[in-house]
Amino acid sequence: MAFDNISATHLQLALTGMTVVFAALAMIAAFIYLLPHVLSRLEVVAPPASGASSSTNGDEEIAAAIGFALHHHETQSTGQPGR
C-alpha cells in the first residue's frame, strides 16, 4: 500500500473527524455519568409522585389475565402455540 496519495489535507480531515467523534462520545459518557447526580438533585425540588408506579385499578392484572386466556385458548385449539 502506497502512502504517496495521502496529502496533508487528507490527514487534517481524518484527524478532524476523529476529534469530532471522540468529543461526541466523551460528551455522551459525561452525560450518562452525571445523569444520576442531576436527577438526585432534582428529586429534592420535584419529588416523584406517590403511587405513580403502582396500578390502582388493576389494569396490569386484567391485561395478564386476557393474555393468559388467549394463549390458553390458542394452545388448546391447535395443540401447539403460535400455529
Protein backbone atom coordinates (compact mmCIF):
# COMPACT_ATOMS: atom_id res chain seq x y z
CA MET A 1 0.00 0.00 0.00
CA ALA A 2 1.48 3.27 -1.07
CA PHE A 3 1.18 6.30 1.11
CA ASP A 4 2.12 8.63 -1.73
CA ASN A 5 -1.51 9.63 -2.33
CA ILE A 6 -2.06 10.84 1.25
CA SER A 7 -1.68 14.57 1.48
CA ALA A 8 -1.75 16.95 4.43
CA THR A 9 -5.35 17.80 3.62
CA HIS A 10 -6.38 14.16 3.94
CA LEU A 11 -4.63 13.80 7.28
CA GLN A 12 -6.20 17.02 8.54
CA LEU A 13 -9.65 15.83 7.52
CA ALA A 14 -9.13 12.43 9.16
CA LEU A 15 -7.87 13.96 12.41
CA THR A 16 -10.72 16.46 12.46
CA GLY A 17 -13.24 13.67 12.02
CA MET A 18 -11.68 11.55 14.74
CA THR A 19 -11.62 14.54 17.08
CA VAL A 20 -15.29 15.29 16.49
CA VAL A 21 -16.28 11.67 17.10
CA PHE A 22 -14.12 11.47 20.23
CA ALA A 23 -15.60 14.70 21.59
CA ALA A 24 -19.15 13.50 20.92
CA LEU A 25 -18.50 10.15 22.65
CA ALA A 26 -16.87 11.91 25.61
CA MET A 27 -19.91 14.18 25.94
CA ILE A 28 -22.27 11.18 25.86
CA ALA A 29 -20.18 9.39 28.50
CA ALA A 30 -20.16 12.51 30.70
CA PHE A 31 -23.93 12.88 30.33
CA ILE A 32 -24.51 9.25 31.33
CA TYR A 33 -22.13 9.61 34.28
CA LEU A 34 -23.71 12.85 35.54
CA LEU A 35 -27.36 11.92 34.97
CA PRO A 36 -27.90 10.12 38.33
CA HIS A 37 -26.35 13.06 40.18
CA VAL A 38 -28.54 15.58 38.39
CA LEU A 39 -31.67 13.51 38.95
CA SER A 40 -30.94 13.12 42.65
CA ARG A 41 -30.65 16.91 42.98
CA LEU A 42 -33.85 17.43 41.00
CA GLU A 43 -35.67 14.97 43.26
CA VAL A 44 -35.33 17.48 46.09
CA VAL A 45 -37.02 20.17 44.00
CA ALA A 46 -39.71 17.98 42.45
CA PRO A 47 -40.21 14.70 44.34
CA PRO A 48 -41.71 11.79 42.40
CA ALA A 49 -45.47 11.41 42.59
CA SER A 50 -46.55 8.94 45.24
CA GLY A 51 -48.23 5.87 43.85
CA ALA A 52 -47.33 6.68 40.25
CA SER A 53 -45.57 3.35 39.80
CA SER A 54 -48.42 1.17 41.08
CA SER A 55 -51.59 0.45 39.18
CA THR A 56 -54.59 1.28 41.35
CA ASN A 57 -57.31 -0.06 39.06
CA GLY A 58 -55.70 -3.41 38.22
CA ASP A 59 -55.10 -2.78 34.51
CA GLU A 60 -51.92 -4.86 34.55
CA GLU A 61 -53.66 -7.80 36.17
CA ILE A 62 -56.53 -7.62 33.67
CA ALA A 63 -54.10 -7.49 30.75
CA ALA A 64 -52.21 -10.50 32.14
CA ALA A 65 -55.44 -12.47 32.55
CA ILE A 66 -56.56 -11.67 28.99
CA GLY A 67 -53.15 -12.66 27.63
CA PHE A 68 -53.24 -15.94 29.53
CA ALA A 69 -56.77 -16.70 28.33
CA LEU A 70 -55.85 -16.05 24.69
CA HIS A 71 -52.70 -18.17 24.98
CA HIS A 72 -54.63 -20.99 26.67
CA HIS A 73 -57.36 -20.89 24.02
CA GLU A 74 -54.82 -20.92 21.21
CA THR A 75 -52.84 -23.84 22.61
CA GLN A 76 -55.98 -25.87 23.37
CA SER A 77 -57.46 -25.43 19.90
CA THR A 78 -54.30 -26.24 17.91
CA GLY A 79 -52.20 -28.18 20.37
CA GLN A 80 -49.16 -26.00 19.66
CA PRO A 81 -48.53 -22.35 20.46
CA GLY A 82 -48.24 -20.00 17.51
CA ARG A 83 -49.96 -22.16 14.92
